[in-house]
Amino acid sequence: MKKPEIHILVCNSYRIGAEPKGGCNKKHAPEIINYLMEEAPAHGFDAVISSTGCLNVCSQSIVIVVHPHNFWYGAINEEAVDEILEALEEGKAVEKYLICD
């Protein structure tokens, strides 16, 4: 497998026992995962989108992490995804969604 240009992790709130407890799943993280899978290639990215267990920042849900940039974003919806992908085309972050320094 060729290493992808970017890897986007999307919190899907699953904890041990496979029960969704956090806010991300309840706020429709699976739909954001599907949206990212459609939109990342449309923006020209060679990307892998992965669903994760709880990232432990439930108060910021939906949470995504973009590697290799190590950008942690919260309060994600489809509009935020569009802004983030546009900024990534220039290697930049979208400050208003960043949740970690």
PDB file of N, CA and C in Angstrom:
ATOM      1  N   MET A   1       0.844  -1.182   0.000  1.00  0.00           N
ATOM      2  CA  MET A   1       0.000   0.000   0.000  1.00  0.00           C
ATOM      3  C   MET A   1       0.889   1.245   0.000  1.00  0.00           C
ATOM      4  N   LYS A   2       0.526   2.165  -0.842  1.00  0.00           N
ATOM      5  CA  LYS A   2       1.221   3.459  -0.890  1.00  0.00           C
ATOM      6  C   LYS A   2       0.704   4.339   0.249  1.00  0.00           C
ATOM      7  N   LYS A   3       1.614   5.024   0.925  1.00  0.00           N
ATOM      8  CA  LYS A   3       1.224   5.908   2.014  1.00  0.00           C
ATOM      9  C   LYS A   3       0.385   7.054   1.453  1.00  0.00           C
ATOM     10  N   PRO A   4      -0.802   7.305   2.050  1.00  0.00           N
ATOM     11  CA  PRO A   4      -1.652   8.388   1.554  1.00  0.00           C
ATOM     12  C   PRO A   4      -1.065   9.753   1.892  1.00  0.00           C
ATOM     13  N   GLU A   5      -1.480  10.740   1.118  1.00  0.00           N
ATOM     14  CA  GLU A   5      -1.055  12.125   1.342  1.00  0.00           C
ATOM     15  C   GLU A   5      -1.555  12.639   2.694  1.00  0.00           C
ATOM     16  N   ILE A   6      -2.818  12.368   2.990  1.00  0.00           N
ATOM     17  CA  ILE A   6      -3.379  12.746   4.287  1.00  0.00           C
ATOM     18  C   ILE A   6      -4.193  11.594   4.855  1.00  0.00           C
ATOM     19  N   HIS A   7      -4.291  11.592   6.173  1.00  0.00           N
ATOM     20  CA  HIS A   7      -5.098  10.609   6.887  1.00  0.00           C
ATOM     21  C   HIS A   7      -5.996  11.398   7.827  1.00  0.00           C
ATOM     22  N   ILE A   8      -7.292  11.228   7.668  1.00  0.00           N
ATOM     23  CA  ILE A   8      -8.256  11.946   8.496  1.00  0.00           C
ATOM     24  C   ILE A   8      -8.951  10.947   9.405  1.00  0.00           C
ATOM     25  N   LEU A   9      -8.790  11.162  10.699  1.00  0.00           N
ATOM     26  CA  LEU A   9      -9.427  10.330  11.713  1.00  0.00           C
ATOM     27  C   LEU A   9     -10.703  11.026  12.159  1.00  0.00           C
ATOM     28  N   VAL A  10     -11.796  10.287  12.198  1.00  0.00           N
ATOM     29  CA  VAL A  10     -13.078  10.856  12.612  1.00  0.00           C
ATOM     30  C   VAL A  10     -13.554  10.096  13.845  1.00  0.00           C
ATOM     31  N   CYS A  11     -13.715  10.822  14.948  1.00  0.00           N
ATOM     32  CA  CYS A  11     -14.213  10.185  16.159  1.00  0.00           C
ATOM     33  C   CYS A  11     -15.634   9.683  15.901  1.00  0.00           C
ATOM     34  N   ASN A  12     -15.841   8.414  16.245  1.00  0.00           N
ATOM     35  CA  ASN A  12     -17.177   7.841  16.107  1.00  0.00           C
ATOM     36  C   ASN A  12     -17.692   7.343  17.452  1.00  0.00           C
ATOM     37  N   SER A  13     -17.039   7.763  18.529  1.00  0.00           N
ATOM     38  CA  SER A  13     -17.516   7.618  19.905  1.00  0.00           C
ATOM     39  C   SER A  13     -17.542   6.215  20.480  1.00  0.00           C
ATOM     40  N   TYR A  14     -17.049   5.230  19.771  1.00  0.00           N
ATOM     41  CA  TYR A  14     -17.142   3.887  20.321  1.00  0.00           C
ATOM     42  C   TYR A  14     -16.088   3.666  21.373  1.00  0.00           C
ATOM     43  N   ARG A  15     -16.524   3.114  22.480  1.00  0.00           N
ATOM     44  CA  ARG A  15     -15.632   2.784  23.583  1.00  0.00           C
ATOM     45  C   ARG A  15     -15.656   1.276  23.772  1.00  0.00           C
ATOM     46  N   ILE A  16     -14.845   0.786  24.646  1.00  0.00           N
ATOM     47  CA  ILE A  16     -14.823  -0.662  24.900  1.00  0.00           C
ATOM     48  C   ILE A  16     -16.241  -1.127  25.173  1.00  0.00           C
ATOM     49  N   GLY A  17     -16.623  -2.217  24.533  1.00  0.00           N
ATOM     50  CA  GLY A  17     -17.984  -2.709  24.627  1.00  0.00           C
ATOM     51  C   GLY A  17     -18.799  -2.332  23.404  1.00  0.00           C
ATOM     52  N   ALA A  18     -18.173  -1.574  22.474  1.00  0.00           N
ATOM     53  CA  ALA A  18     -18.778  -1.197  21.194  1.00  0.00           C
ATOM     54  C   ALA A  18     -20.076  -0.421  21.335  1.00  0.00           C
ATOM     55  N   GLU A  19     -20.226   0.317  22.406  1.00  0.00           N
ATOM     56  CA  GLU A  19     -21.431   1.118  22.585  1.00  0.00           C
ATOM     57  C   GLU A  19     -21.114   2.595  22.384  1.00  0.00           C
ATOM     58  N   PRO A  20     -21.820   3.273  21.468  1.00  0.00           N
ATOM     59  CA  PRO A  20     -21.566   4.691  21.280  1.00  0.00           C
ATOM     60  C   PRO A  20     -22.071   5.465  22.492  1.00  0.00           C
ATOM     61  N   LYS A  21     -21.173   6.208  23.130  1.00  0.00           N
ATOM     62  CA  LYS A  21     -21.569   6.954  24.318  1.00  0.00           C
ATOM     63  C   LYS A  21     -21.345   8.445  24.170  1.00  0.00           C
ATOM     64  N   GLY A  22     -20.340   8.825  23.420  1.00  0.00           N
ATOM     65  CA  GLY A  22     -19.992  10.235  23.304  1.00  0.00           C
ATOM     66  C   GLY A  22     -20.854  10.973  22.309  1.00  0.00           C
ATOM     67  N   GLY A  23     -20.535  12.235  22.168  1.00  0.00           N
ATOM     68  CA  GLY A  23     -21.334  13.099  21.321  1.00  0.00           C
ATOM     69  C   GLY A  23     -21.144  12.908  19.833  1.00  0.00           C
ATOM     70  N   CYS A  24     -19.980  12.453  19.396  1.00  0.00           N
ATOM     71  CA  CYS A  24     -19.701  12.404  17.957  1.00  0.00           C
ATOM     72  C   CYS A  24     -20.667  11.492  17.207  1.00  0.00           C
ATOM     73  N   ASN A  25     -20.840  10.291  17.696  1.00  0.00           N
ATOM     74  CA  ASN A  25     -21.757   9.370  17.025  1.00  0.00           C
ATOM     75  C   ASN A  25     -23.178   9.909  17.072  1.00  0.00           C
ATOM     76  N   LYS A  26     -23.564  10.449  18.205  1.00  0.00           N
ATOM     77  CA  LYS A  26     -24.914  10.988  18.355  1.00  0.00           C
ATOM     78  C   LYS A  26     -25.153  12.199  17.464  1.00  0.00           C
ATOM     79  N   LYS A  27     -24.056  12.900  17.093  1.00  0.00           N
ATOM     80  CA  LYS A  27     -24.175  14.056  16.203  1.00  0.00           C
ATOM     81  C   LYS A  27     -23.909  13.664  14.748  1.00  0.00           C
ATOM     82  N   HIS A  28     -23.971  12.373  14.459  1.00  0.00           N
ATOM     83  CA  HIS A  28     -23.933  11.855  13.089  1.00  0.00           C
ATOM     84  C   HIS A  28     -22.544  11.790  12.461  1.00  0.00           C
ATOM     85  N   ALA A  29     -21.571  11.341  13.239  1.00  0.00           N
ATOM     86  CA  ALA A  29     -20.221  11.149  12.701  1.00  0.00           C
ATOM     87  C   ALA A  29     -20.186  10.247  11.471  1.00  0.00           C
ATOM     88  N   PRO A  30     -20.995   9.156  11.410  1.00  0.00           N
ATOM     89  CA  PRO A  30     -20.941   8.328  10.197  1.00  0.00           C
ATOM     90  C   PRO A  30     -21.253   9.104   8.914  1.00  0.00           C
ATOM     91  N   GLU A  31     -22.149  10.078   8.996  1.00  0.00           N
ATOM     92  CA  GLU A  31     -22.457  10.889   7.823  1.00  0.00           C
ATOM     93  C   GLU A  31     -21.265  11.769   7.433  1.00  0.00           C
ATOM     94  N   ILE A  32     -20.531  12.273   8.428  1.00  0.00           N
ATOM     95  CA  ILE A  32     -19.335  13.074   8.153  1.00  0.00           C
ATOM     96  C   ILE A  32     -18.255  12.193   7.526  1.00  0.00           C
ATOM     97  N   ILE A  33     -18.137  10.967   7.995  1.00  0.00           N
ATOM     98  CA  ILE A  33     -17.174  10.028   7.402  1.00  0.00           C
ATOM     99  C   ILE A  33     -17.488   9.828   5.921  1.00  0.00           C
ATOM    100  N   ASN A  34     -18.737   9.558   5.613  1.00  0.00           N
ATOM    101  CA  ASN A  34     -19.135   9.377   4.207  1.00  0.00           C
ATOM    102  C   ASN A  34     -18.894  10.639   3.396  1.00  0.00           C
ATOM    103  N   TYR A  35     -19.207  11.787   3.970  1.00  0.00           N
ATOM    104  CA  TYR A  35     -19.009  13.055   3.262  1.00  0.00           C
ATOM    105  C   TYR A  35     -17.525  13.271   2.964  1.00  0.00           C
ATOM    106  N   LEU A  36     -16.671  13.019   3.942  1.00  0.00           N
ATOM    107  CA  LEU A  36     -15.229  13.143   3.727  1.00  0.00           C
ATOM    108  C   LEU A  36     -14.739  12.175   2.650  1.00  0.00           C
ATOM    109  N   MET A  37     -15.278  10.963   2.630  1.00  0.00           N
ATOM    110  CA  MET A  37     -14.867   9.974   1.619  1.00  0.00           C
ATOM    111  C   MET A  37     -15.221  10.436   0.213  1.00  0.00           C
ATOM    112  N   GLU A  38     -16.287  11.189   0.084  1.00  0.00           N
ATOM    113  CA  GLU A  38     -16.680  11.735  -1.215  1.00  0.00           C
ATOM    114  C   GLU A  38     -15.895  12.995  -1.566  1.00  0.00           C
ATOM    115  N   GLU A  39     -15.733  13.880  -0.589  1.00  0.00           N
ATOM    116  CA  GLU A  39     -15.183  15.204  -0.856  1.00  0.00           C
ATOM    117  C   GLU A  39     -13.662  15.267  -0.921  1.00  0.00           C
ATOM    118  N   ALA A  40     -12.956  14.471  -0.138  1.00  0.00           N
ATOM    119  CA  ALA A  40     -11.484  14.532  -0.159  1.00  0.00           C
ATOM    120  C   ALA A  40     -10.939  14.257  -1.562  1.00  0.00           C
ATOM    121  N   PRO A  41     -11.382  13.188  -2.242  1.00  0.00           N
ATOM    122  CA  PRO A  41     -10.895  12.977  -3.614  1.00  0.00           C
ATOM    123  C   PRO A  41     -11.333  14.087  -4.574  1.00  0.00           C
ATOM    124  N   ALA A  42     -12.514  14.651  -4.346  1.00  0.00           N
ATOM    125  CA  ALA A  42     -12.996  15.741  -5.202  1.00  0.00           C
ATOM    126  C   ALA A  42     -12.101  16.979  -5.080  1.00  0.00           C
ATOM    127  N   HIS A  43     -11.406  17.105  -3.963  1.00  0.00           N
ATOM    128  CA  HIS A  43     -10.459  18.209  -3.751  1.00  0.00           C
ATOM    129  C   HIS A  43      -9.046  17.817  -4.179  1.00  0.00           C
ATOM    130  N   GLY A  44      -8.917  16.625  -4.758  1.00  0.00           N
ATOM    131  CA  GLY A  44      -7.623  16.190  -5.275  1.00  0.00           C
ATOM    132  C   GLY A  44      -6.718  15.507  -4.273  1.00  0.00           C
ATOM    133  N   PHE A  45      -7.237  15.159  -3.099  1.00  0.00           N
ATOM    134  CA  PHE A  45      -6.407  14.526  -2.087  1.00  0.00           C
ATOM    135  C   PHE A  45      -6.380  13.017  -2.234  1.00  0.00           C
ATOM    136  N   ASP A  46      -5.190  12.468  -2.075  1.00  0.00           N
ATOM    137  CA  ASP A  46      -5.023  11.035  -1.877  1.00  0.00           C
ATOM    138  C   ASP A  46      -5.165  10.851  -0.373  1.00  0.00           C
ATOM    139  N   ALA A  47      -6.355  10.486   0.069  1.00  0.00           N
ATOM    140  CA  ALA A  47      -6.655  10.471   1.502  1.00  0.00           C
ATOM    141  C   ALA A  47      -7.243   9.148   1.945  1.00  0.00           C
ATOM    142  N   VAL A  48      -6.961   8.825   3.197  1.00  0.00           N
ATOM    143  CA  VAL A  48      -7.619   7.716   3.878  1.00  0.00           C
ATOM    144  C   VAL A  48      -8.444   8.342   4.994  1.00  0.00           C
ATOM    145  N   ILE A  49      -9.706   7.951   5.075  1.00  0.00           N
ATOM    146  CA  ILE A  49     -10.602   8.434   6.111  1.00  0.00           C
ATOM    147  C   ILE A  49     -10.879   7.252   7.026  1.00  0.00           C
ATOM    148  N   SER A  50     -10.616   7.424   8.318  1.00  0.00           N
ATOM    149  CA  SER A  50     -10.790   6.333   9.277  1.00  0.00           C
ATOM    150  C   SER A  50     -11.720   6.728  10.408  1.00  0.00           C
ATOM    151  N   SER A  51     -12.619   5.819  10.742  1.00  0.00           N
ATOM    152  CA  SER A  51     -13.466   5.970  11.914  1.00  0.00           C
ATOM    153  C   SER A  51     -12.666   5.502  13.126  1.00  0.00           C
ATOM    154  N   THR A  52     -12.759   6.243  14.227  1.00  0.00           N
ATOM    155  CA  THR A  52     -12.020   5.862  15.425  1.00  0.00           C
ATOM    156  C   THR A  52     -12.959   5.643  16.595  1.00  0.00           C
ATOM    157  N   GLY A  53     -12.394   5.093  17.645  1.00  0.00           N
ATOM    158  CA  GLY A  53     -13.075   5.080  18.925  1.00  0.00           C
ATOM    159  C   GLY A  53     -13.043   6.483  19.488  1.00  0.00           C
ATOM    160  N   CYS A  54     -13.480   6.621  20.715  1.00  0.00           N
ATOM    161  CA  CYS A  54     -13.563   7.923  21.363  1.00  0.00           C
ATOM    162  C   CYS A  54     -12.195   8.597  21.432  1.00  0.00           C
ATOM    163  N   LEU A  55     -12.134   9.867  21.030  1.00  0.00           N
ATOM    164  CA  LEU A  55     -10.904  10.662  21.109  1.00  0.00           C
ATOM    165  C   LEU A  55     -10.854  11.503  22.387  1.00  0.00           C
ATOM    166  N   ASN A  56     -11.843  11.332  23.244  1.00  0.00           N
ATOM    167  CA  ASN A  56     -11.871  11.944  24.578  1.00  0.00           C
ATOM    168  C   ASN A  56     -11.950  13.466  24.588  1.00  0.00           C
ATOM    169  N   VAL A  57     -12.591  14.040  23.609  1.00  0.00           N
ATOM    170  CA  VAL A  57     -12.919  15.470  23.621  1.00  0.00           C
ATOM    171  C   VAL A  57     -14.390  15.628  23.239  1.00  0.00           C
ATOM    172  N   CYS A  58     -15.229  14.915  23.976  1.00  0.00           N
ATOM    173  CA  CYS A  58     -16.663  14.851  23.669  1.00  0.00           C
ATOM    174  C   CYS A  58     -17.323  16.223  23.645  1.00  0.00           C
ATOM    175  N   SER A  59     -16.840  17.143  24.441  1.00  0.00           N
ATOM    176  CA  SER A  59     -17.441  18.476  24.479  1.00  0.00           C
ATOM    177  C   SER A  59     -17.248  19.226  23.160  1.00  0.00           C
ATOM    178  N   GLN A  60     -16.366  18.730  22.292  1.00  0.00           N
ATOM    179  CA  GLN A  60     -16.064  19.394  21.023  1.00  0.00           C
ATOM    180  C   GLN A  60     -16.645  18.652  19.815  1.00  0.00           C
ATOM    181  N   SER A  61     -17.517  17.698  20.049  1.00  0.00           N
ATOM    182  CA  SER A  61     -17.941  16.802  18.972  1.00  0.00           C
ATOM    183  C   SER A  61     -18.631  17.524  17.822  1.00  0.00           C
ATOM    184  N   ILE A  62     -18.495  17.070  16.661  1.00  0.00           N
ATOM    185  CA  ILE A  62     -17.762  15.945  16.094  1.00  0.00           C
ATOM    186  C   ILE A  62     -16.291  16.355  15.970  1.00  0.00           C
ATOM    187  N   VAL A  63     -15.390  15.445  16.306  1.00  0.00           N
ATOM    188  CA  VAL A  63     -13.958  15.717  16.294  1.00  0.00           C
ATOM    189  C   VAL A  63     -13.291  14.960  15.151  1.00  0.00           C
ATOM    190  N   ILE A  64     -12.396  15.648  14.428  1.00  0.00           N
ATOM    191  CA  ILE A  64     -11.556  14.992  13.432  1.00  0.00           C
ATOM    192  C   ILE A  64     -10.107  15.406  13.662  1.00  0.00           C
ATOM    193  N   VAL A  65      -9.194  14.532  13.247  1.00  0.00           N
ATOM    194  CA  VAL A  65      -7.760  14.809  13.320  1.00  0.00           C
ATOM    195  C   VAL A  65      -7.189  14.584  11.929  1.00  0.00           C
ATOM    196  N   VAL A  66      -6.432  15.554  11.443  1.00  0.00           N
ATOM    197  CA  VAL A  66      -5.853  15.474  10.102  1.00  0.00           C
ATOM    198  C   VAL A  66      -4.342  15.277  10.235  1.00  0.00           C
ATOM    199  N   HIS A  67      -3.870  14.155   9.705  1.00  0.00           N
ATOM    200  CA  HIS A  67      -2.424  13.864   9.687  1.00  0.00           C
ATOM    201  C   HIS A  67      -1.926  13.926   8.265  1.00  0.00           C
ATOM    202  N   PRO A  68      -0.715  14.363   7.999  1.00  0.00           N
ATOM    203  CA  PRO A  68       0.397  14.509   8.934  1.00  0.00           C
ATOM    204  C   PRO A  68       0.453  15.863   9.627  1.00  0.00           C
ATOM    205  N   HIS A  69      -0.504  16.729   9.418  1.00  0.00           N
ATOM    206  CA  HIS A  69      -0.480  18.082   9.982  1.00  0.00           C
ATOM    207  C   HIS A  69      -0.730  18.114  11.495  1.00  0.00           C
ATOM    208  N   ASN A  70      -1.379  17.056  12.018  1.00  0.00           N
ATOM    209  CA  ASN A  70      -1.763  16.987  13.422  1.00  0.00           C
ATOM    210  C   ASN A  70      -2.716  18.124  13.797  1.00  0.00           C
ATOM    211  N   PHE A  71      -3.638  18.442  12.875  1.00  0.00           N
ATOM    212  CA  PHE A  71      -4.687  19.422  13.151  1.00  0.00           C
ATOM    213  C   PHE A  71      -5.842  18.704  13.840  1.00  0.00           C
ATOM    214  N   TRP A  72      -6.237  19.158  15.011  1.00  0.00           N
ATOM    215  CA  TRP A  72      -7.389  18.629  15.740  1.00  0.00           C
ATOM    216  C   TRP A  72      -8.522  19.637  15.604  1.00  0.00           C
ATOM    217  N   TYR A  73      -9.625  19.197  15.028  1.00  0.00           N
ATOM    218  CA  TYR A  73     -10.770  20.074  14.794  1.00  0.00           C
ATOM    219  C   TYR A  73     -11.996  19.580  15.547  1.00  0.00           C
ATOM    220  N   GLY A  74     -12.808  20.529  16.013  1.00  0.00           N
ATOM    221  CA  GLY A  74     -14.057  20.195  16.679  1.00  0.00           C
ATOM    222  C   GLY A  74     -15.223  20.953  16.097  1.00  0.00           C
ATOM    223  N   ALA A  75     -16.421  20.526  16.494  1.00  0.00           N
ATOM    224  CA  ALA A  75     -17.680  21.112  16.020  1.00  0.00           C
ATOM    225  C   ALA A  75     -17.791  20.992  14.502  1.00  0.00           C
ATOM    226  N   ILE A  76     -17.483  19.804  14.006  1.00  0.00           N
ATOM    227  CA  ILE A  76     -17.431  19.565  12.567  1.00  0.00           C
ATOM    228  C   ILE A  76     -18.804  19.209  12.005  1.00  0.00           C
ATOM    229  N   ASN A  77     -19.114  19.847  10.872  1.00  0.00           N
ATOM    230  CA  ASN A  77     -20.288  19.530  10.076  1.00  0.00           C
ATOM    231  C   ASN A  77     -19.835  19.583   8.610  1.00  0.00           C
ATOM    232  N   GLU A  78     -20.747  19.415   7.677  1.00  0.00           N
ATOM    233  CA  GLU A  78     -20.353  19.404   6.263  1.00  0.00           C
ATOM    234  C   GLU A  78     -19.728  20.724   5.824  1.00  0.00           C
ATOM    235  N   GLU A  79     -20.241  21.832   6.304  1.00  0.00           N
ATOM    236  CA  GLU A  79     -19.671  23.139   5.958  1.00  0.00           C
ATOM    237  C   GLU A  79     -18.219  23.239   6.454  1.00  0.00           C
ATOM    238  N   ALA A  80     -17.977  22.771   7.670  1.00  0.00           N
ATOM    239  CA  ALA A  80     -16.618  22.787   8.222  1.00  0.00           C
ATOM    240  C   ALA A  80     -15.692  21.909   7.395  1.00  0.00           C
ATOM    241  N   VAL A  81     -16.186  20.739   6.979  1.00  0.00           N
ATOM    242  CA  VAL A  81     -15.381  19.843   6.142  1.00  0.00           C
ATOM    243  C   VAL A  81     -14.953  20.569   4.868  1.00  0.00           C
ATOM    244  N   ASP A  82     -15.885  21.261   4.236  1.00  0.00           N
ATOM    245  CA  ASP A  82     -15.559  21.991   3.006  1.00  0.00           C
ATOM    246  C   ASP A  82     -14.467  23.033   3.260  1.00  0.00           C
ATOM    247  N   GLU A  83     -14.602  23.790   4.338  1.00  0.00           N
ATOM    248  CA  GLU A  83     -13.598  24.810   4.667  1.00  0.00           C
ATOM    249  C   GLU A  83     -12.239  24.182   4.960  1.00  0.00           C
ATOM    250  N   ILE A  84     -12.245  23.088   5.687  1.00  0.00           N
ATOM    251  CA  ILE A  84     -10.998  22.411   6.051  1.00  0.00           C
ATOM    252  C   ILE A  84     -10.296  21.857   4.822  1.00  0.00           C
ATOM    253  N   LEU A  85     -11.043  21.217   3.930  1.00  0.00           N
ATOM    254  CA  LEU A  85     -10.429  20.664   2.724  1.00  0.00           C
ATOM    255  C   LEU A  85      -9.864  21.767   1.833  1.00  0.00           C
ATOM    256  N   GLU A  86     -10.573  22.881   1.739  1.00  0.00           N
ATOM    257  CA  GLU A  86     -10.070  24.006   0.946  1.00  0.00           C
ATOM    258  C   GLU A  86      -8.763  24.543   1.542  1.00  0.00           C
ATOM    259  N   ALA A  87      -8.707  24.668   2.866  1.00  0.00           N
ATOM    260  CA  ALA A  87      -7.489  25.151   3.523  1.00  0.00           C
ATOM    261  C   ALA A  87      -6.344  24.158   3.361  1.00  0.00           C
ATOM    262  N   LEU A  88      -6.653  22.873   3.417  1.00  0.00           N
ATOM    263  CA  LEU A  88      -5.606  21.847   3.272  1.00  0.00           C
ATOM    264  C   LEU A  88      -4.961  21.879   1.893  1.00  0.00           C
ATOM    265  N   GLU A  89      -5.698  22.347   0.894  1.00  0.00           N
ATOM    266  CA  GLU A  89      -5.116  22.470  -0.440  1.00  0.00           C
ATOM    267  C   GLU A  89      -3.897  23.385  -0.412  1.00  0.00           C
ATOM    268  N   GLU A  90      -3.874  24.321   0.541  1.00  0.00           N
ATOM    269  CA  GLU A  90      -2.754  25.240   0.704  1.00  0.00           C
ATOM    270  C   GLU A  90      -1.892  24.879   1.908  1.00  0.00           C
ATOM    271  N   GLY A  91      -2.183  23.718   2.537  1.00  0.00           N
ATOM    272  CA  GLY A  91      -1.419  23.281   3.698  1.00  0.00           C
ATOM    273  C   GLY A  91      -1.697  24.080   4.954  1.00  0.00           C
ATOM    274  N   LYS A  92      -2.852  24.737   4.996  1.00  0.00           N
ATOM    275  CA  LYS A  92      -3.195  25.599   6.126  1.00  0.00           C
ATOM    276  C   LYS A  92      -4.305  24.990   6.975  1.00  0.00           C
ATOM    277  N   ALA A  93      -4.422  25.514   8.201  1.00  0.00           N
ATOM    278  CA  ALA A  93      -5.494  25.119   9.129  1.00  0.00           C
ATOM    279  C   ALA A  93      -6.625  26.140   9.059  1.00  0.00           C
ATOM    280  N   VAL A  94      -7.783  25.728   9.512  1.00  0.00           N
ATOM    281  CA  VAL A  94      -8.913  26.638   9.679  1.00  0.00           C
ATOM    282  C   VAL A  94      -9.022  26.892  11.183  1.00  0.00           C
ATOM    283  N   GLU A  95      -8.539  28.036  11.595  1.00  0.00           N
ATOM    284  CA  GLU A  95      -8.389  28.373  13.005  1.00  0.00           C
ATOM    285  C   GLU A  95      -9.687  28.210  13.822  1.00  0.00           C
ATOM    286  N   LYS A  96     -10.810  28.594  13.244  1.00  0.00           N
ATOM    287  CA  LYS A  96     -12.047  28.611  14.044  1.00  0.00           C
ATOM    288  C   LYS A  96     -12.515  27.219  14.465  1.00  0.00           C
ATOM    289  N   TYR A  97     -12.005  26.164  13.840  1.00  0.00           N
ATOM    290  CA  TYR A  97     -12.376  24.804  14.231  1.00  0.00           C
ATOM    291  C   TYR A  97     -11.297  24.089  15.042  1.00  0.00           C
ATOM    292  N   LEU A  98     -10.099  24.674  15.138  1.00  0.00           N
ATOM    293  CA  LEU A  98      -9.008  24.031  15.873  1.00  0.00           C
ATOM    294  C   LEU A  98      -9.346  23.940  17.356  1.00  0.00           C
ATOM    295  N   ILE A  99      -9.070  22.782  17.962  1.00  0.00           N
ATOM    296  CA  ILE A  99      -9.349  22.598  19.390  1.00  0.00           C
ATOM    297  C   ILE A  99      -8.090  22.320  20.201  1.00  0.00           C
ATOM    298  N   CYS A 100      -6.972  22.114  19.556  1.00  0.00           N
ATOM    299  CA  CYS A 100      -5.707  21.857  20.244  1.00  0.00           C
ATOM    300  C   CYS A 100      -4.627  22.745  19.651  1.00  0.00           C
ATOM    301  N   ASP A 101      -3.715  23.187  20.513  1.00  0.00           N
ATOM    302  CA  ASP A 101      -2.579  23.999  20.048  1.00  0.00           C
ATOM    303  C   ASP A 101      -1.517  23.124  19.408  1.00  0.00           C
TER     304      ASP A 101
END
